[in-house]
PDB file of N, CA and C in Angstrom:
ATOM      1  N   VAL A   1     -10.774  50.131  38.202  1.00  0.00           N
ATOM      2  CA  VAL A   1      -9.987  51.572  38.653  1.00  0.00           C
ATOM      3  C   VAL A   1      -8.259  51.585  38.106  1.00  0.00           C
ATOM      4  N   GLN A   2      -7.664  52.745  36.921  1.00  0.00           N
ATOM      5  CA  GLN A   2      -6.849  52.775  38.153  1.00  0.00           C
ATOM      6  C   GLN A   2      -5.893  54.104  37.703  1.00  0.00           C
ATOM      7  N   LEU A   3      -5.326  54.151  38.649  1.00  0.00           N
ATOM      8  CA  LEU A   3      -4.978  56.191  38.263  1.00  0.00           C
ATOM      9  C   LEU A   3      -3.323  55.971  38.653  1.00  0.00           C
ATOM     10  N   VAL A   4      -2.890  56.241  36.920  1.00  0.00           N
ATOM     11  CA  VAL A   4      -1.120  55.338  37.321  1.00  0.00           C
ATOM     12  C   VAL A   4      -0.535  56.903  37.479  1.00  0.00           C
ATOM     13  N   GLU A   5      -0.149  58.134  37.935  1.00  0.00           N
ATOM     14  CA  GLU A   5       0.982  58.955  38.214  1.00  0.00           C
ATOM     15  C   GLU A   5       2.095  59.345  37.668  1.00  0.00           C
ATOM     16  N   SER A   6       2.857  59.044  37.003  1.00  0.00           N
ATOM     17  CA  SER A   6       4.744  59.244  36.777  1.00  0.00           C
ATOM     18  C   SER A   6       4.855  61.269  35.901  1.00  0.00           C
ATOM     19  N   GLY A   7       5.856  61.068  36.285  1.00  0.00           N
ATOM     20  CA  GLY A   7       6.228  62.224  35.242  1.00  0.00           C
ATOM     21  C   GLY A   7       7.625  62.856  36.948  1.00  0.00           C
ATOM     22  N   GLY A   8       7.371  62.282  38.116  1.00  0.00           N
ATOM     23  CA  GLY A   8       7.722  63.212  39.254  1.00  0.00           C
ATOM     24  C   GLY A   8       9.027  63.236  39.112  1.00  0.00           C
ATOM     25  N   ALA A   9      10.415  63.923  39.955  1.00  0.00           N
ATOM     26  CA  ALA A   9      11.608  63.596  39.455  1.00  0.00           C
ATOM     27  C   ALA A   9      12.694  65.438  40.831  1.00  0.00           C
ATOM     28  N   LEU A  10      13.224  64.488  40.721  1.00  0.00           N
ATOM     29  CA  LEU A  10      13.819  66.105  41.337  1.00  0.00           C
ATOM     30  C   LEU A  10      14.566  67.176  40.067  1.00  0.00           C
ATOM     31  N   VAL A  11      14.315  68.203  40.366  1.00  0.00           N
ATOM     32  CA  VAL A  11      14.960  68.933  39.904  1.00  0.00           C
ATOM     33  C   VAL A  11      14.813  71.019  40.772  1.00  0.00           C
ATOM     34  N   GLN A  12      16.043  71.133  39.491  1.00  0.00           N
ATOM     35  CA  GLN A  12      16.253  72.411  40.371  1.00  0.00           C
ATOM     36  C   GLN A  12      15.065  73.996  40.570  1.00  0.00           C
ATOM     37  N   PRO A  13      15.498  74.702  41.514  1.00  0.00           N
ATOM     38  CA  PRO A  13      14.524  75.702  40.988  1.00  0.00           C
ATOM     39  C   PRO A  13      14.650  76.485  39.973  1.00  0.00           C
ATOM     40  N   GLY A  14      13.897  76.747  39.804  1.00  0.00           N
ATOM     41  CA  GLY A  14      13.012  77.571  37.739  1.00  0.00           C
ATOM     42  C   GLY A  14      13.259  76.135  37.313  1.00  0.00           C
ATOM     43  N   GLY A  15      13.227  75.032  37.461  1.00  0.00           N
ATOM     44  CA  GLY A  15      13.328  74.174  36.454  1.00  0.00           C
ATOM     45  C   GLY A  15      10.789  73.930  35.822  1.00  0.00           C
ATOM     46  N   SER A  16      11.283  73.232  35.056  1.00  0.00           N
ATOM     47  CA  SER A  16      10.134  72.969  34.856  1.00  0.00           C
ATOM     48  C   SER A  16      10.013  70.972  35.066  1.00  0.00           C
ATOM     49  N   LEU A  17       8.213  70.656  35.289  1.00  0.00           N
ATOM     50  CA  LEU A  17       8.039  69.495  34.709  1.00  0.00           C
ATOM     51  C   LEU A  17       6.725  69.398  34.613  1.00  0.00           C
ATOM     52  N   LYS A  18       6.551  68.044  33.873  1.00  0.00           N
ATOM     53  CA  LYS A  18       4.916  67.309  33.167  1.00  0.00           C
ATOM     54  C   LYS A  18       4.517  65.948  33.974  1.00  0.00           C
ATOM     55  N   LEU A  19       3.653  66.632  34.445  1.00  0.00           N
ATOM     56  CA  LEU A  19       2.833  65.153  35.377  1.00  0.00           C
ATOM     57  C   LEU A  19       1.903  65.096  33.839  1.00  0.00           C
ATOM     58  N   SER A  20       1.716  63.752  34.625  1.00  0.00           N
ATOM     59  CA  SER A  20       0.499  63.141  33.843  1.00  0.00           C
ATOM     60  C   SER A  20       0.402  61.809  34.373  1.00  0.00           C
ATOM     61  N   CYS A  21      -1.252  61.641  34.306  1.00  0.00           N
ATOM     62  CA  CYS A  21      -2.229  60.472  34.830  1.00  0.00           C
ATOM     63  C   CYS A  21      -2.786  59.424  33.932  1.00  0.00           C
ATOM     64  N   ALA A  22      -2.759  58.787  33.939  1.00  0.00           N
ATOM     65  CA  ALA A  22      -3.657  57.840  32.819  1.00  0.00           C
ATOM     66  C   ALA A  22      -4.187  56.753  33.554  1.00  0.00           C
ATOM     67  N   CYS A  23      -5.360  57.193  32.612  1.00  0.00           N
ATOM     68  CA  CYS A  23      -6.302  56.077  33.978  1.00  0.00           C
ATOM     69  C   CYS A  23      -7.329  54.861  32.273  1.00  0.00           C
ATOM     70  N   SER A  24      -7.651  54.885  33.182  1.00  0.00           N
ATOM     71  CA  SER A  24      -8.221  53.389  33.211  1.00  0.00           C
ATOM     72  C   SER A  24      -8.829  52.747  33.789  1.00  0.00           C
ATOM     73  N   GLY A  25     -10.178  52.000  32.979  1.00  0.00           N
ATOM     74  CA  GLY A  25     -11.548  51.414  34.368  1.00  0.00           C
ATOM     75  C   GLY A  25     -12.819  51.973  34.509  1.00  0.00           C
ATOM     76  N   PHE A  26     -12.917  53.731  33.941  1.00  0.00           N
ATOM     77  CA  PHE A  26     -13.817  54.439  34.410  1.00  0.00           C
ATOM     78  C   PHE A  26     -14.089  55.806  33.228  1.00  0.00           C
ATOM     79  N   THR A  27     -15.659  56.040  32.549  1.00  0.00           N
ATOM     80  CA  THR A  27     -15.150  56.271  31.029  1.00  0.00           C
ATOM     81  C   THR A  27     -14.692  58.546  32.037  1.00  0.00           C
ATOM     82  N   PHE A  28     -13.697  58.312  31.311  1.00  0.00           N
ATOM     83  CA  PHE A  28     -12.074  59.486  31.294  1.00  0.00           C
ATOM     84  C   PHE A  28     -13.177  60.190  31.584  1.00  0.00           C
ATOM     85  N   SER A  29     -13.709  60.844  30.532  1.00  0.00           N
ATOM     86  CA  SER A  29     -14.336  61.878  30.112  1.00  0.00           C
ATOM     87  C   SER A  29     -15.351  62.976  30.840  1.00  0.00           C
ATOM     88  N   ARG A  30     -16.036  61.690  31.879  1.00  0.00           N
ATOM     89  CA  ARG A  30     -16.710  62.122  32.461  1.00  0.00           C
ATOM     90  C   ARG A  30     -16.478  62.499  33.602  1.00  0.00           C
ATOM     91  N   TYR A  31     -15.136  62.538  34.038  1.00  0.00           N
ATOM     92  CA  TYR A  31     -14.762  63.344  35.830  1.00  0.00           C
ATOM     93  C   TYR A  31     -14.153  64.396  35.633  1.00  0.00           C
ATOM     94  N   GLU A  32     -14.000  64.778  36.375  1.00  0.00           N
ATOM     95  CA  GLU A  32     -13.518  66.831  36.774  1.00  0.00           C
ATOM     96  C   GLU A  32     -12.005  66.184  37.498  1.00  0.00           C
ATOM     97  N   MET A  33     -10.532  66.523  36.975  1.00  0.00           N
ATOM     98  CA  MET A  33      -9.681  66.041  37.494  1.00  0.00           C
ATOM     99  C   MET A  33      -9.411  66.987  37.584  1.00  0.00           C
ATOM    100  N   SER A  34      -8.195  66.488  39.294  1.00  0.00           N
ATOM    101  CA  SER A  34      -7.737  67.288  39.714  1.00  0.00           C
ATOM    102  C   SER A  34      -6.448  67.027  40.236  1.00  0.00           C
ATOM    103  N   TRP A  35      -5.587  67.595  40.591  1.00  0.00           N
ATOM    104  CA  TRP A  35      -3.874  68.196  41.063  1.00  0.00           C
ATOM    105  C   TRP A  35      -4.354  67.718  42.560  1.00  0.00           C
ATOM    106  N   TYR A  36      -3.458  67.378  43.331  1.00  0.00           N
ATOM    107  CA  TYR A  36      -3.596  67.378  45.139  1.00  0.00           C
ATOM    108  C   TYR A  36      -1.858  67.714  44.957  1.00  0.00           C
ATOM    109  N   ARG A  37      -1.017  67.739  45.765  1.00  0.00           N
ATOM    110  CA  ARG A  37       0.074  67.690  46.440  1.00  0.00           C
ATOM    111  C   ARG A  37       0.254  67.503  48.216  1.00  0.00           C
ATOM    112  N   GLN A  38       1.162  67.262  48.223  1.00  0.00           N
ATOM    113  CA  GLN A  38       1.405  66.145  49.655  1.00  0.00           C
ATOM    114  C   GLN A  38       3.139  66.800  50.570  1.00  0.00           C
ATOM    115  N   ALA A  39       3.011  68.412  51.345  1.00  0.00           N
ATOM    116  CA  ALA A  39       4.616  68.151  51.374  1.00  0.00           C
ATOM    117  C   ALA A  39       4.581  67.206  52.522  1.00  0.00           C
ATOM    118  N   PRO A  40       5.135  67.294  52.626  1.00  0.00           N
ATOM    119  CA  PRO A  40       6.436  67.093  53.667  1.00  0.00           C
ATOM    120  C   PRO A  40       6.145  67.121  55.206  1.00  0.00           C
ATOM    121  N   GLY A  41       5.179  67.018  55.768  1.00  0.00           N
ATOM    122  CA  GLY A  41       4.317  67.095  57.239  1.00  0.00           C
ATOM    123  C   GLY A  41       3.256  68.156  56.899  1.00  0.00           C
ATOM    124  N   LYS A  42       2.966  68.154  56.287  1.00  0.00           N
ATOM    125  CA  LYS A  42       1.518  69.119  55.783  1.00  0.00           C
ATOM    126  C   LYS A  42       0.872  68.235  55.530  1.00  0.00           C
ATOM    127  N   GLU A  43      -0.409  68.690  55.304  1.00  0.00           N
ATOM    128  CA  GLU A  43      -2.749  67.414  54.154  1.00  0.00           C
ATOM    129  C   GLU A  43      -1.845  68.221  53.267  1.00  0.00           C
ATOM    130  N   ARG A  44      -2.368  67.775  52.639  1.00  0.00           N
ATOM    131  CA  ARG A  44      -2.856  67.068  51.226  1.00  0.00           C
ATOM    132  C   ARG A  44      -3.512  68.636  50.876  1.00  0.00           C
ATOM    133  N   GLU A  45      -3.116  68.875  49.786  1.00  0.00           N
ATOM    134  CA  GLU A  45      -3.990  70.756  49.218  1.00  0.00           C
ATOM    135  C   GLU A  45      -4.673  70.504  47.786  1.00  0.00           C
ATOM    136  N   LEU A  46      -5.421  70.904  47.405  1.00  0.00           N
ATOM    137  CA  LEU A  46      -5.329  70.716  46.154  1.00  0.00           C
ATOM    138  C   LEU A  46      -5.216  72.483  45.152  1.00  0.00           C
ATOM    139  N   VAL A  47      -4.498  71.704  44.348  1.00  0.00           N
ATOM    140  CA  VAL A  47      -3.347  72.520  43.235  1.00  0.00           C
ATOM    141  C   VAL A  47      -4.488  73.090  42.374  1.00  0.00           C
ATOM    142  N   ALA A  48      -4.792  72.409  41.531  1.00  0.00           N
ATOM    143  CA  ALA A  48      -5.566  72.185  40.062  1.00  0.00           C
ATOM    144  C   ALA A  48      -6.620  71.586  39.515  1.00  0.00           C
ATOM    145  N   SER A  49      -7.592  71.768  38.627  1.00  0.00           N
ATOM    146  CA  SER A  49      -8.788  71.153  38.889  1.00  0.00           C
ATOM    147  C   SER A  49      -8.783  71.745  37.225  1.00  0.00           C
ATOM    148  N   ILE A  50     -10.387  70.599  36.628  1.00  0.00           N
ATOM    149  CA  ILE A  50      -9.971  70.676  35.213  1.00  0.00           C
ATOM    150  C   ILE A  50     -11.334  69.531  35.428  1.00  0.00           C
ATOM    151  N   THR A  51     -12.617  70.535  34.725  1.00  0.00           N
ATOM    152  CA  THR A  51     -13.943  69.867  34.657  1.00  0.00           C
ATOM    153  C   THR A  51     -13.645  68.362  33.595  1.00  0.00           C
ATOM    154  N   GLY A  52     -15.423  68.019  33.568  1.00  0.00           N
ATOM    155  CA  GLY A  52     -15.148  66.508  31.804  1.00  0.00           C
ATOM    156  C   GLY A  52     -16.560  66.994  31.906  1.00  0.00           C
ATOM    157  N   GLY A  53     -16.976  66.175  31.301  1.00  0.00           N
ATOM    158  CA  GLY A  53     -18.314  66.873  30.471  1.00  0.00           C
ATOM    159  C   GLY A  53     -18.279  67.232  29.396  1.00  0.00           C
ATOM    160  N   LEU A  54     -19.005  68.365  29.351  1.00  0.00           N
ATOM    161  CA  LEU A  54     -19.468  67.794  27.744  1.00  0.00           C
ATOM    162  C   LEU A  54     -18.915  69.789  27.869  1.00  0.00           C
ATOM    163  N   GLY A  55     -18.867  70.259  26.598  1.00  0.00           N
ATOM    164  CA  GLY A  55     -18.588  71.383  26.526  1.00  0.00           C
ATOM    165  C   GLY A  55     -16.867  71.418  26.683  1.00  0.00           C
ATOM    166  N   ASP A  56     -16.131  72.637  26.493  1.00  0.00           N
ATOM    167  CA  ASP A  56     -14.768  72.972  26.266  1.00  0.00           C
ATOM    168  C   ASP A  56     -15.387  73.004  28.610  1.00  0.00           C
ATOM    169  N   PRO A  57     -12.988  72.568  28.596  1.00  0.00           N
ATOM    170  CA  PRO A  57     -12.988  72.183  29.800  1.00  0.00           C
ATOM    171  C   PRO A  57     -12.944  73.790  30.693  1.00  0.00           C
ATOM    172  N   ASP A  58     -12.810  72.932  32.196  1.00  0.00           N
ATOM    173  CA  ASP A  58     -12.809  74.889  32.903  1.00  0.00           C
ATOM    174  C   ASP A  58     -11.647  74.244  33.961  1.00  0.00           C
ATOM    175  N   ALA A  59     -10.713  75.056  33.847  1.00  0.00           N
ATOM    176  CA  ALA A  59      -9.806  74.993  34.797  1.00  0.00           C
ATOM    177  C   ALA A  59      -9.155  76.053  36.606  1.00  0.00           C
ATOM    178  N   ASP A  60      -9.570  75.652  37.945  1.00  0.00           N
ATOM    179  CA  ASP A  60      -8.892  76.190  38.268  1.00  0.00           C
ATOM    180  C   ASP A  60      -8.117  75.382  38.863  1.00  0.00           C
ATOM    181  N   TYR A  61      -6.964  77.089  39.694  1.00  0.00           N
ATOM    182  CA  TYR A  61      -6.089  76.734  40.360  1.00  0.00           C
ATOM    183  C   TYR A  61      -6.160  77.094  41.931  1.00  0.00           C
ATOM    184  N   SER A  62      -4.828  76.829  42.877  1.00  0.00           N
ATOM    185  CA  SER A  62      -5.061  77.770  43.886  1.00  0.00           C
ATOM    186  C   SER A  62      -3.852  78.662  43.796  1.00  0.00           C
ATOM    187  N   ASP A  63      -4.670  79.514  44.697  1.00  0.00           N
ATOM    188  CA  ASP A  63      -3.844  80.679  44.423  1.00  0.00           C
ATOM    189  C   ASP A  63      -1.911  81.075  44.419  1.00  0.00           C
ATOM    190  N   SER A  64      -1.905  79.226  45.307  1.00  0.00           N
ATOM    191  CA  SER A  64      -0.221  79.440  45.187  1.00  0.00           C
ATOM    192  C   SER A  64       0.601  79.315  44.087  1.00  0.00           C
ATOM    193  N   VAL A  65      -0.345  78.978  43.268  1.00  0.00           N
ATOM    194  CA  VAL A  65      -0.049  77.927  41.951  1.00  0.00           C
ATOM    195  C   VAL A  65      -0.676  78.503  40.461  1.00  0.00           C
ATOM    196  N   ARG A  66      -1.231  79.971  40.429  1.00  0.00           N
ATOM    197  CA  ARG A  66      -1.871  80.042  39.085  1.00  0.00           C
ATOM    198  C   ARG A  66      -0.686  80.851  38.551  1.00  0.00           C
ATOM    199  N   GLY A  67      -1.108  81.295  37.697  1.00  0.00           N
ATOM    200  CA  GLY A  67      -0.020  81.578  36.407  1.00  0.00           C
ATOM    201  C   GLY A  67       1.665  80.366  36.437  1.00  0.00           C
ATOM    202  N   GLN A  68       1.194  79.760  36.934  1.00  0.00           N
ATOM    203  CA  GLN A  68       2.965  78.947  37.042  1.00  0.00           C
ATOM    204  C   GLN A  68       2.806  77.378  36.642  1.00  0.00           C
ATOM    205  N   PHE A  69       1.253  76.899  36.948  1.00  0.00           N
ATOM    206  CA  PHE A  69       1.042  75.518  36.494  1.00  0.00           C
ATOM    207  C   PHE A  69      -0.757  75.118  35.577  1.00  0.00           C
ATOM    208  N   THR A  70       0.272  74.974  34.943  1.00  0.00           N
ATOM    209  CA  THR A  70      -1.134  74.839  34.088  1.00  0.00           C
ATOM    210  C   THR A  70      -1.635  72.868  34.064  1.00  0.00           C
ATOM    211  N   VAL A  71      -2.626  72.574  34.302  1.00  0.00           N
ATOM    212  CA  VAL A  71      -3.748  71.375  34.255  1.00  0.00           C
ATOM    213  C   VAL A  71      -4.372  71.120  32.460  1.00  0.00           C
ATOM    214  N   SER A  72      -4.029  70.116  32.145  1.00  0.00           N
ATOM    215  CA  SER A  72      -5.077  69.746  30.960  1.00  0.00           C
ATOM    216  C   SER A  72      -5.314  68.000  30.233  1.00  0.00           C
ATOM    217  N   ARG A  73      -6.179  67.836  29.909  1.00  0.00           N
ATOM    218  CA  ARG A  73      -6.673  66.754  30.105  1.00  0.00           C
ATOM    219  C   ARG A  73      -6.687  66.032  28.350  1.00  0.00           C
ATOM    220  N   ASN A  74      -5.876  64.883  28.181  1.00  0.00           N
ATOM    221  CA  ASN A  74      -6.916  64.447  26.746  1.00  0.00           C
ATOM    222  C   ASN A  74      -7.924  63.874  26.658  1.00  0.00           C
ATOM    223  N   ASN A  75      -8.978  63.451  27.046  1.00  0.00           N
ATOM    224  CA  ASN A  75     -10.285  62.808  26.318  1.00  0.00           C
ATOM    225  C   ASN A  75      -9.959  61.284  25.862  1.00  0.00           C
ATOM    226  N   ASP A  76      -8.799  61.616  25.033  1.00  0.00           N
ATOM    227  CA  ASP A  76      -8.489  60.611  23.745  1.00  0.00           C
ATOM    228  C   ASP A  76      -7.950  59.455  24.486  1.00  0.00           C
ATOM    229  N   ARG A  77      -6.744  59.663  25.702  1.00  0.00           N
ATOM    230  CA  ARG A  77      -6.491  59.691  25.548  1.00  0.00           C
ATOM    231  C   ARG A  77      -6.126  58.497  27.310  1.00  0.00           C
ATOM    232  N   LYS A  78      -7.188  59.680  27.698  1.00  0.00           N
ATOM    233  CA  LYS A  78      -7.679  59.169  28.926  1.00  0.00           C
ATOM    234  C   LYS A  78      -6.130  59.365  30.026  1.00  0.00           C
ATOM    235  N   THR A  79      -5.758  60.341  29.842  1.00  0.00           N
ATOM    236  CA  THR A  79      -5.117  61.743  30.351  1.00  0.00           C
ATOM    237  C   THR A  79      -5.438  63.016  30.910  1.00  0.00           C
ATOM    238  N   ALA A  80      -4.133  62.920  32.108  1.00  0.00           N
ATOM    239  CA  ALA A  80      -4.813  64.331  32.269  1.00  0.00           C
ATOM    240  C   ALA A  80      -3.035  64.831  32.423  1.00  0.00           C
ATOM    241  N   TYR A  81      -2.809  66.116  32.828  1.00  0.00           N
ATOM    242  CA  TYR A  81      -1.653  66.914  33.142  1.00  0.00           C
ATOM    243  C   TYR A  81      -1.577  67.856  33.898  1.00  0.00           C
ATOM    244  N   LEU A  82       0.134  67.845  33.767  1.00  0.00           N
ATOM    245  CA  LEU A  82      -0.427  68.609  35.441  1.00  0.00           C
ATOM    246  C   LEU A  82       0.941  70.184  35.134  1.00  0.00           C
ATOM    247  N   GLN A  83       1.542  70.678  33.904  1.00  0.00           N
ATOM    248  CA  GLN A  83       2.579  71.393  33.194  1.00  0.00           C
ATOM    249  C   GLN A  83       2.889  71.837  34.370  1.00  0.00           C
ATOM    250  N   MET A  84       4.174  71.436  35.610  1.00  0.00           N
ATOM    251  CA  MET A  84       4.416  72.542  36.529  1.00  0.00           C
ATOM    252  C   MET A  84       5.616  73.747  35.503  1.00  0.00           C
ATOM    253  N   ASN A  85       5.937  75.580  36.459  1.00  0.00           N
ATOM    254  CA  ASN A  85       6.438  76.520  35.505  1.00  0.00           C
ATOM    255  C   ASN A  85       7.200  76.633  36.387  1.00  0.00           C
ATOM    256  N   SER A  86       8.437  77.094  36.549  1.00  0.00           N
ATOM    257  CA  SER A  86       9.646  78.194  37.466  1.00  0.00           C
ATOM    258  C   SER A  86       9.494  76.837  39.005  1.00  0.00           C
ATOM    259  N   LEU A  87       9.601  76.493  38.554  1.00  0.00           N
ATOM    260  CA  LEU A  87       9.113  75.321  40.408  1.00  0.00           C
ATOM    261  C   LEU A  87      10.289  75.868  41.633  1.00  0.00           C
ATOM    262  N   LYS A  88       9.568  76.191  42.493  1.00  0.00           N
ATOM    263  CA  LYS A  88      10.402  76.652  43.945  1.00  0.00           C
ATOM    264  C   LYS A  88      10.990  75.780  44.757  1.00  0.00           C
ATOM    265  N   PHE A  89      11.522  75.627  45.136  1.00  0.00           N
ATOM    266  CA  PHE A  89      11.548  74.052  46.858  1.00  0.00           C
ATOM    267  C   PHE A  89      10.002  74.203  47.193  1.00  0.00           C
ATOM    268  N   THR A  90       8.870  75.499  47.597  1.00  0.00           N
ATOM    269  CA  THR A  90       7.943  75.046  48.500  1.00  0.00           C
ATOM    270  C   THR A  90       6.996  73.861  46.980  1.00  0.00           C
ATOM    271  N   ASP A  91       7.318  73.838  46.442  1.00  0.00           N
ATOM    272  CA  ASP A  91       6.235  73.631  45.583  1.00  0.00           C
ATOM    273  C   ASP A  91       6.942  71.651  45.513  1.00  0.00           C
ATOM    274  N   THR A  92       8.096  71.123  46.846  1.00  0.00           N
ATOM    275  CA  THR A  92       8.108  70.295  46.295  1.00  0.00           C
ATOM    276  C   THR A  92       7.059  69.164  47.416  1.00  0.00           C
ATOM    277  N   GLY A  93       6.883  68.080  47.064  1.00  0.00           N
ATOM    278  CA  GLY A  93       5.818  67.342  47.661  1.00  0.00           C
ATOM    279  C   GLY A  93       5.802  65.593  46.812  1.00  0.00           C
ATOM    280  N   VAL A  94       4.370  65.111  46.555  1.00  0.00           N
ATOM    281  CA  VAL A  94       3.637  64.080  46.432  1.00  0.00           C
ATOM    282  C   VAL A  94       2.899  64.812  46.122  1.00  0.00           C
ATOM    283  N   TYR A  95       2.793  63.961  44.090  1.00  0.00           N
ATOM    284  CA  TYR A  95       1.851  64.957  43.601  1.00  0.00           C
ATOM    285  C   TYR A  95       1.106  64.197  43.827  1.00  0.00           C
ATOM    286  N   PHE A  96      -0.114  63.638  43.474  1.00  0.00           N
ATOM    287  CA  PHE A  96      -1.625  62.798  43.473  1.00  0.00           C
ATOM    288  C   PHE A  96      -2.777  63.205  42.579  1.00  0.00           C
ATOM    289  N   CYS A  97      -3.011  62.520  42.009  1.00  0.00           N
ATOM    290  CA  CYS A  97      -4.254  62.694  40.419  1.00  0.00           C
ATOM    291  C   CYS A  97      -4.818  62.347  41.236  1.00  0.00           C
ATOM    292  N   ASN A  98      -6.684  62.903  40.763  1.00  0.00           N
ATOM    293  CA  ASN A  98      -8.036  62.358  41.454  1.00  0.00           C
ATOM    294  C   ASN A  98      -8.998  62.521  40.513  1.00  0.00           C
ATOM    295  N   ALA A  99      -9.703  61.938  40.319  1.00  0.00           N
ATOM    296  CA  ALA A  99     -11.098  61.431  39.176  1.00  0.00           C
ATOM    297  C   ALA A  99     -12.370  62.000  40.159  1.00  0.00           C
ATOM    298  N   LYS A 100     -13.287  62.702  40.072  1.00  0.00           N
ATOM    299  CA  LYS A 100     -14.422  62.966  40.585  1.00  0.00           C
ATOM    300  C   LYS A 100     -15.039  63.213  39.491  1.00  0.00           C
ATOM    301  N   TRP A 101     -16.868  62.597  39.929  1.00  0.00           N
ATOM    302  CA  TRP A 101     -17.726  62.295  39.401  1.00  0.00           C
ATOM    303  C   TRP A 101     -19.544  61.365  39.909  1.00  0.00           C
ATOM    304  N   MET A 102     -20.382  62.932  40.144  1.00  0.00           N
ATOM    305  CA  MET A 102     -21.071  62.254  41.033  1.00  0.00           C
ATOM    306  C   MET A 102     -20.521  61.541  42.540  1.00  0.00           C
ATOM    307  N   ALA A 103     -20.577  59.960  42.608  1.00  0.00           N
ATOM    308  CA  ALA A 103     -20.241  59.557  43.950  1.00  0.00           C
ATOM    309  C   ALA A 103     -18.385  58.700  43.933  1.00  0.00           C
ATOM    310  N   ASN A 104     -18.509  59.268  42.765  1.00  0.00           N
ATOM    311  CA  ASN A 104     -16.837  58.086  42.811  1.00  0.00           C
ATOM    312  C   ASN A 104     -15.757  59.140  43.331  1.00  0.00           C
ATOM    313  N   ASN A 105     -14.624  59.320  43.695  1.00  0.00           N
ATOM    314  CA  ASN A 105     -13.856  59.685  43.541  1.00  0.00           C
ATOM    315  C   ASN A 105     -12.773  58.661  43.800  1.00  0.00           C
ATOM    316  N   TYR A 106     -12.107  58.347  42.540  1.00  0.00           N
ATOM    317  CA  TYR A 106     -10.584  57.661  42.688  1.00  0.00           C
ATOM    318  C   TYR A 106      -8.797  58.537  43.098  1.00  0.00           C
ATOM    319  N   TRP A 107      -8.448  58.233  43.094  1.00  0.00           N
ATOM    320  CA  TRP A 107      -6.657  58.618  43.526  1.00  0.00           C
ATOM    321  C   TRP A 107      -6.098  57.215  42.935  1.00  0.00           C
ATOM    322  N   GLY A 108      -4.651  58.205  42.996  1.00  0.00           N
ATOM    323  CA  GLY A 108      -3.730  57.288  42.194  1.00  0.00           C
ATOM    324  C   GLY A 108      -2.968  57.125  43.468  1.00  0.00           C
ATOM    325  N   GLN A 109      -1.420  57.112  42.986  1.00  0.00           N
ATOM    326  CA  GLN A 109      -0.900  56.438  44.791  1.00  0.00           C
ATOM    327  C   GLN A 109       0.602  57.435  44.362  1.00  0.00           C
ATOM    328  N   GLY A 110       0.383  58.364  44.729  1.00  0.00           N
ATOM    329  CA  GLY A 110       1.428  59.546  44.290  1.00  0.00           C
ATOM    330  C   GLY A 110       2.299  59.179  43.165  1.00  0.00           C
ATOM    331  N   THR A 111       2.937  60.808  42.457  1.00  0.00           N
ATOM    332  CA  THR A 111       4.748  60.605  41.939  1.00  0.00           C
ATOM    333  C   THR A 111       5.203  62.425  42.936  1.00  0.00           C
ATOM    334  N   GLN A 112       6.807  61.300  43.063  1.00  0.00           N
ATOM    335  CA  GLN A 112       7.429  62.528  43.159  1.00  0.00           C
ATOM    336  C   GLN A 112       8.363  63.602  43.452  1.00  0.00           C
ATOM    337  N   VAL A 113       8.111  64.798  43.716  1.00  0.00           N
ATOM    338  CA  VAL A 113       8.431  66.101  43.300  1.00  0.00           C
ATOM    339  C   VAL A 113       9.205  66.350  44.137  1.00  0.00           C
ATOM    340  N   THR A 114      10.560  66.696  43.846  1.00  0.00           N
ATOM    341  CA  THR A 114      11.457  67.619  45.047  1.00  0.00           C
ATOM    342  C   THR A 114      12.161  68.671  43.919  1.00  0.00           C
ATOM    343  N   VAL A 115      12.027  69.550  44.668  1.00  0.00           N
ATOM    344  CA  VAL A 115      13.186  70.818  44.460  1.00  0.00           C
ATOM    345  C   VAL A 115      14.552  70.625  45.095  1.00  0.00           C
ATOM    346  N   SER A 116      15.460  71.569  44.388  1.00  0.00           N
ATOM    347  CA  SER A 116      16.311  71.621  45.473  1.00  0.00           C
ATOM    348  C   SER A 116      17.616  71.587  43.982  1.00  0.00           C
ATOM    349  N   SER A 117      18.397  72.373  44.960  1.00  0.00           N
ATOM    350  CA  SER A 117      19.904  72.336  44.097  1.00  0.00           C
ATOM    351  C   SER A 117      21.042  71.769  44.502  1.00  0.00           C
TER     352      SER A 117
END
């Protein structure tokens, strides 16, 4: 099983980034995919998730990013995405991808996002 995040970078406030999470080794389409972030000195927090399985996926967001971030997935490419707009200093942190289905729970290694002027 592998989850490989990419797309993190240094960006100015107000800028945008799109993170990707490329997955392999499990049936991606079944899994709920989530994005977490961990700011320096803080606990890891859930920011966005998107359901898996049959039917159209449902997305959900933390109050802190709703309207600012958009989570999506491409089951053919086995990849989840996080589009982040209007970035703020407080969005700085390591962003982790998570895949969850039944008792299975997998994590990526994280990608650093730094919002700084």
